[in-house]
Amino acid sequence: MIINDEEYKIVIGDTDYHCALDVTMSFIGGKWKSVVIWYLRNGKRRFSELKTRIPDITDKMLSLQLKALEQDGLVKREVFPEVPPRVEYELTDEGKSLVPVVSALADWGRAKGNKDGHMVKVR
């Protein structure tokens, strides 16, 4: 990125990023991460609840996305010692800081959908 005619990069761990947006998209980019964050924005959810809200995602992909978000410190996974085990996912404080970003993306998508398409009731 260029700041005052000088070139900078952001380094996090072993990764170099060419701009701030590159950092953000590395954490929430792809098809599913921002959607998972969206459905966790209002509180804890179990795996099955997330799967119900995101019907097009496979179990394996949801599991991978949750693990990646957890590794990145954006999602917390809590296992309850019950039979069968109960697992809940929720946003960490850092994950919650992404909610306005994801909300802005959702607002844009809603406006684009209203402009160029229409809503269809699923159930």
Foldseek 3Di string as FASTA:
>chain_A
DADPNDADWDDDPNDTHRDPVSVVCVQQNDDPRLVLLQVQLVHKDFLVVSCVVVVVDDSVRSVVSQVSCVVVQQKDWDWDPDVVITIIIHGDPVNNVCNVVSVVVVVVVVVCCVVPHDDDDDD
